[in-house]
Amino acid sequence: MSNVERTKENLAKCICMKCPSYSYACKKNSLTNNVILTMVGTDYRIHAEAMFCAYEESKCIDEDKGCICADCEIHKEYQLEKGYFCTTVGGK
């Protein structure tokens, strides 16, 4: 498995927030941190509720409701084989 780079370019490609597992409440609660990452860069030391394949699992997603990781450009570019990075460290 490749290590996904934490870049603004990759963050722009991220489709995590379109996932059925990413609830409205999670989107609302994570908006501020996700906006900060897109503005100041991905090196900023905050938890990202996006690009779970590069960061860590979600702190607000608590139920698997489907996975779209395989549809993501990042997933394809880095030849990732797993999904559900939002609920499991390293995916499952």
N, C-alpha and C. Protein backbone atom coordinates (compact mmCIF):
# COMPACT_ATOMS: atom_id res chain seq x y z
N MET A 1 0.84 -1.19 0.00
CA MET A 1 0.00 0.00 0.00
C MET A 1 0.88 1.24 0.00
N SER A 2 0.55 2.18 -0.85
CA SER A 2 1.27 3.44 -0.92
C SER A 2 0.83 4.36 0.20
N ASN A 3 1.72 5.23 0.62
CA ASN A 3 1.34 6.27 1.57
C ASN A 3 0.78 7.44 0.78
N VAL A 4 -0.42 7.82 1.09
CA VAL A 4 -1.08 8.92 0.39
C VAL A 4 -0.52 10.22 0.92
N GLU A 5 -0.06 11.06 0.01
CA GLU A 5 0.52 12.35 0.40
C GLU A 5 -0.58 13.32 0.84
N ARG A 6 -0.28 14.04 1.90
CA ARG A 6 -1.20 15.05 2.43
C ARG A 6 -0.93 16.38 1.75
N THR A 7 -1.50 16.54 0.57
CA THR A 7 -1.30 17.76 -0.20
C THR A 7 -2.64 18.43 -0.47
N LYS A 8 -2.57 19.72 -0.76
CA LYS A 8 -3.79 20.45 -1.12
C LYS A 8 -4.39 19.88 -2.40
N GLU A 9 -3.54 19.44 -3.31
CA GLU A 9 -4.01 18.86 -4.56
C GLU A 9 -4.81 17.58 -4.30
N ASN A 10 -4.28 16.73 -3.43
CA ASN A 10 -5.01 15.50 -3.11
C ASN A 10 -6.29 15.81 -2.35
N LEU A 11 -6.23 16.77 -1.46
CA LEU A 11 -7.42 17.15 -0.72
C LEU A 11 -8.52 17.64 -1.67
N ALA A 12 -8.14 18.34 -2.71
CA ALA A 12 -9.10 18.82 -3.69
C ALA A 12 -9.75 17.66 -4.47
N LYS A 13 -9.05 16.56 -4.61
CA LYS A 13 -9.57 15.38 -5.31
C LYS A 13 -10.44 14.50 -4.41
N CYS A 14 -10.35 14.70 -3.11
CA CYS A 14 -11.01 13.85 -2.13
C CYS A 14 -12.53 13.87 -2.29
N ILE A 15 -13.14 12.68 -2.24
CA ILE A 15 -14.59 12.57 -2.33
C ILE A 15 -15.22 12.03 -1.03
N CYS A 16 -14.45 12.00 0.04
CA CYS A 16 -14.95 11.45 1.31
C CYS A 16 -16.28 12.08 1.74
N MET A 17 -16.43 13.38 1.57
CA MET A 17 -17.64 14.04 2.05
C MET A 17 -18.87 13.72 1.20
N LYS A 18 -18.68 13.01 0.10
CA LYS A 18 -19.81 12.57 -0.74
C LYS A 18 -20.24 11.15 -0.38
N CYS A 19 -19.54 10.52 0.52
CA CYS A 19 -19.79 9.13 0.89
C CYS A 19 -21.08 8.99 1.69
N PRO A 20 -21.83 7.91 1.48
CA PRO A 20 -23.05 7.71 2.26
C PRO A 20 -22.80 7.53 3.76
N SER A 21 -21.60 7.13 4.14
CA SER A 21 -21.27 6.98 5.56
C SER A 21 -21.01 8.32 6.24
N TYR A 22 -20.74 9.36 5.45
CA TYR A 22 -20.42 10.69 5.96
C TYR A 22 -21.73 11.43 6.21
N SER A 23 -22.19 11.42 7.44
CA SER A 23 -23.49 11.97 7.78
C SER A 23 -23.51 13.50 7.72
N TYR A 24 -24.72 14.04 7.67
CA TYR A 24 -24.88 15.49 7.67
C TYR A 24 -24.28 16.11 8.93
N ALA A 25 -24.50 15.47 10.06
CA ALA A 25 -23.96 15.99 11.33
C ALA A 25 -22.44 16.04 11.28
N CYS A 26 -21.83 15.03 10.69
CA CYS A 26 -20.37 15.00 10.58
C CYS A 26 -19.90 16.12 9.65
N LYS A 27 -20.58 16.31 8.54
CA LYS A 27 -20.22 17.40 7.62
C LYS A 27 -20.29 18.75 8.32
N LYS A 28 -21.34 18.96 9.07
CA LYS A 28 -21.53 20.23 9.77
C LYS A 28 -20.44 20.45 10.82
N ASN A 29 -20.13 19.42 11.60
CA ASN A 29 -19.14 19.54 12.67
C ASN A 29 -17.71 19.67 12.15
N SER A 30 -17.44 19.16 10.98
CA SER A 30 -16.07 19.16 10.47
C SER A 30 -15.78 20.30 9.49
N LEU A 31 -16.75 21.08 9.16
CA LEU A 31 -16.60 22.12 8.14
C LEU A 31 -15.44 23.07 8.43
N THR A 32 -15.34 23.56 9.64
CA THR A 32 -14.29 24.53 9.97
C THR A 32 -12.90 23.96 9.74
N ASN A 33 -12.61 22.78 10.27
CA ASN A 33 -11.29 22.19 10.10
C ASN A 33 -10.99 21.89 8.64
N ASN A 34 -11.98 21.40 7.90
CA ASN A 34 -11.76 21.09 6.49
C ASN A 34 -11.48 22.35 5.68
N VAL A 35 -12.14 23.45 5.99
CA VAL A 35 -11.89 24.72 5.30
C VAL A 35 -10.49 25.23 5.63
N ILE A 36 -10.09 25.11 6.89
CA ILE A 36 -8.74 25.52 7.28
C ILE A 36 -7.69 24.75 6.48
N LEU A 37 -7.88 23.45 6.33
CA LEU A 37 -6.91 22.64 5.58
C LEU A 37 -6.80 23.10 4.13
N THR A 38 -7.91 23.44 3.51
CA THR A 38 -7.85 23.87 2.11
C THR A 38 -7.23 25.25 1.97
N MET A 39 -7.33 26.09 3.01
CA MET A 39 -6.80 27.45 2.93
C MET A 39 -5.33 27.54 3.32
N VAL A 40 -4.96 26.92 4.43
CA VAL A 40 -3.60 27.10 4.93
C VAL A 40 -2.67 25.93 4.62
N GLY A 41 -3.23 24.85 4.18
CA GLY A 41 -2.39 23.72 3.81
C GLY A 41 -2.57 22.53 4.72
N THR A 42 -2.14 21.42 4.24
CA THR A 42 -2.36 20.15 4.92
C THR A 42 -1.34 19.86 6.00
N ASP A 43 -0.32 20.70 6.14
CA ASP A 43 0.65 20.50 7.22
C ASP A 43 0.15 21.05 8.54
N TYR A 44 -0.89 21.84 8.49
CA TYR A 44 -1.48 22.41 9.69
C TYR A 44 -1.92 21.26 10.59
N ARG A 45 -1.59 21.30 11.85
CA ARG A 45 -1.80 20.17 12.78
C ARG A 45 -3.21 20.14 13.36
N ILE A 46 -4.18 19.82 12.53
CA ILE A 46 -5.54 19.62 12.99
C ILE A 46 -6.04 18.29 12.44
N HIS A 47 -7.06 17.77 13.06
CA HIS A 47 -7.66 16.52 12.57
C HIS A 47 -8.45 16.81 11.31
N ALA A 48 -8.23 16.02 10.29
CA ALA A 48 -8.96 16.18 9.04
C ALA A 48 -10.12 15.20 9.00
N GLU A 49 -11.31 15.70 8.78
CA GLU A 49 -12.46 14.84 8.56
C GLU A 49 -12.66 14.72 7.05
N ALA A 50 -11.58 14.35 6.39
CA ALA A 50 -11.56 14.14 4.95
C ALA A 50 -10.28 13.37 4.64
N MET A 51 -10.18 12.88 3.44
CA MET A 51 -8.98 12.17 2.98
C MET A 51 -8.49 11.17 4.05
N PHE A 52 -9.42 10.33 4.49
CA PHE A 52 -9.13 9.39 5.57
C PHE A 52 -8.02 8.41 5.20
N CYS A 53 -7.81 8.17 3.92
CA CYS A 53 -6.74 7.27 3.48
C CYS A 53 -5.36 7.87 3.77
N ALA A 54 -5.29 9.18 3.96
CA ALA A 54 -4.01 9.85 4.25
C ALA A 54 -3.89 10.26 5.71
N TYR A 55 -5.01 10.53 6.34
CA TYR A 55 -4.98 10.96 7.73
C TYR A 55 -5.30 9.78 8.63
N GLU A 56 -6.36 9.85 9.35
CA GLU A 56 -6.77 8.77 10.25
C GLU A 56 -8.27 8.62 10.13
N GLU A 57 -8.79 7.63 10.80
CA GLU A 57 -10.23 7.41 10.70
C GLU A 57 -10.99 8.60 11.29
N SER A 58 -12.26 8.66 10.95
CA SER A 58 -13.11 9.75 11.38
C SER A 58 -13.36 9.73 12.88
N LYS A 59 -13.56 10.90 13.43
CA LYS A 59 -13.95 11.02 14.84
C LYS A 59 -15.46 11.20 14.97
N CYS A 60 -16.16 11.25 13.83
CA CYS A 60 -17.61 11.44 13.92
C CYS A 60 -18.42 10.42 13.13
N ILE A 61 -17.82 9.73 12.17
CA ILE A 61 -18.54 8.68 11.45
C ILE A 61 -18.54 7.44 12.33
N ASP A 62 -19.73 6.96 12.64
CA ASP A 62 -19.79 5.81 13.54
C ASP A 62 -20.55 4.62 12.96
N GLU A 63 -20.95 4.74 11.68
CA GLU A 63 -21.71 3.65 11.07
C GLU A 63 -21.35 3.54 9.59
N ASP A 64 -21.05 2.31 9.15
CA ASP A 64 -20.79 2.07 7.74
C ASP A 64 -22.12 2.05 6.99
N LYS A 65 -22.27 2.98 6.04
CA LYS A 65 -23.51 3.06 5.27
C LYS A 65 -23.22 2.92 3.77
N GLY A 66 -22.05 2.44 3.46
CA GLY A 66 -21.62 2.32 2.08
C GLY A 66 -20.25 2.95 1.93
N CYS A 67 -19.56 2.57 0.88
CA CYS A 67 -18.19 3.06 0.66
C CYS A 67 -17.99 3.41 -0.80
N ILE A 68 -17.41 4.59 -1.05
CA ILE A 68 -17.13 5.03 -2.42
C ILE A 68 -15.63 5.22 -2.65
N CYS A 69 -14.81 4.68 -1.75
CA CYS A 69 -13.36 4.85 -1.88
C CYS A 69 -12.86 4.43 -3.26
N ALA A 70 -13.35 3.32 -3.78
CA ALA A 70 -12.87 2.82 -5.07
C ALA A 70 -13.17 3.77 -6.22
N ASP A 71 -14.12 4.69 -6.04
CA ASP A 71 -14.45 5.68 -7.08
C ASP A 71 -13.54 6.89 -7.04
N CYS A 72 -12.72 7.01 -6.01
CA CYS A 72 -11.90 8.20 -5.79
C CYS A 72 -10.61 8.17 -6.63
N GLU A 73 -10.28 9.31 -7.18
CA GLU A 73 -9.06 9.45 -7.98
C GLU A 73 -7.81 9.15 -7.15
N ILE A 74 -7.81 9.54 -5.89
CA ILE A 74 -6.67 9.28 -5.01
C ILE A 74 -6.50 7.78 -4.81
N HIS A 75 -7.61 7.08 -4.59
CA HIS A 75 -7.60 5.63 -4.40
C HIS A 75 -6.95 4.95 -5.60
N LYS A 76 -7.29 5.41 -6.78
CA LYS A 76 -6.74 4.84 -8.02
C LYS A 76 -5.26 5.21 -8.19
N GLU A 77 -4.92 6.48 -8.00
CA GLU A 77 -3.55 6.94 -8.19
C GLU A 77 -2.56 6.23 -7.27
N TYR A 78 -2.98 5.99 -6.03
CA TYR A 78 -2.09 5.37 -5.05
C TYR A 78 -2.29 3.86 -4.97
N GLN A 79 -3.10 3.32 -5.88
CA GLN A 79 -3.35 1.89 -5.98
C GLN A 79 -3.74 1.27 -4.64
N LEU A 80 -4.67 1.93 -3.98
CA LEU A 80 -5.17 1.43 -2.70
C LEU A 80 -6.12 0.26 -2.97
N GLU A 81 -6.10 -0.70 -2.13
CA GLU A 81 -6.91 -1.90 -2.35
C GLU A 81 -8.09 -2.00 -1.39
N LYS A 82 -8.06 -1.23 -0.32
CA LYS A 82 -9.10 -1.33 0.70
C LYS A 82 -10.05 -0.14 0.62
N GLY A 83 -11.09 -0.18 1.41
CA GLY A 83 -12.05 0.90 1.54
C GLY A 83 -12.33 1.13 3.02
N TYR A 84 -13.35 1.90 3.29
CA TYR A 84 -13.75 2.21 4.67
C TYR A 84 -12.60 2.76 5.51
N PHE A 85 -11.78 3.62 4.91
CA PHE A 85 -10.71 4.27 5.66
C PHE A 85 -11.29 5.20 6.73
N CYS A 86 -12.54 5.59 6.55
CA CYS A 86 -13.18 6.51 7.50
C CYS A 86 -13.50 5.85 8.85
N THR A 87 -13.67 4.54 8.85
CA THR A 87 -14.04 3.88 10.11
C THR A 87 -12.98 2.91 10.61
N THR A 88 -11.98 2.62 9.80
CA THR A 88 -10.95 1.65 10.18
C THR A 88 -9.57 2.17 9.78
N VAL A 89 -8.64 2.19 10.72
CA VAL A 89 -7.28 2.61 10.42
C VAL A 89 -6.71 1.69 9.34
N GLY A 90 -6.25 2.26 8.24
CA GLY A 90 -5.69 1.47 7.16
C GLY A 90 -6.72 0.83 6.26
N GLY A 91 -7.99 1.09 6.52
CA GLY A 91 -9.07 0.54 5.70
C GLY A 91 -9.38 -0.91 6.04
N LYS A 92 -10.45 -1.38 5.41
CA LYS A 92 -10.80 -2.80 5.58
C LYS A 92 -11.31 -3.37 4.29
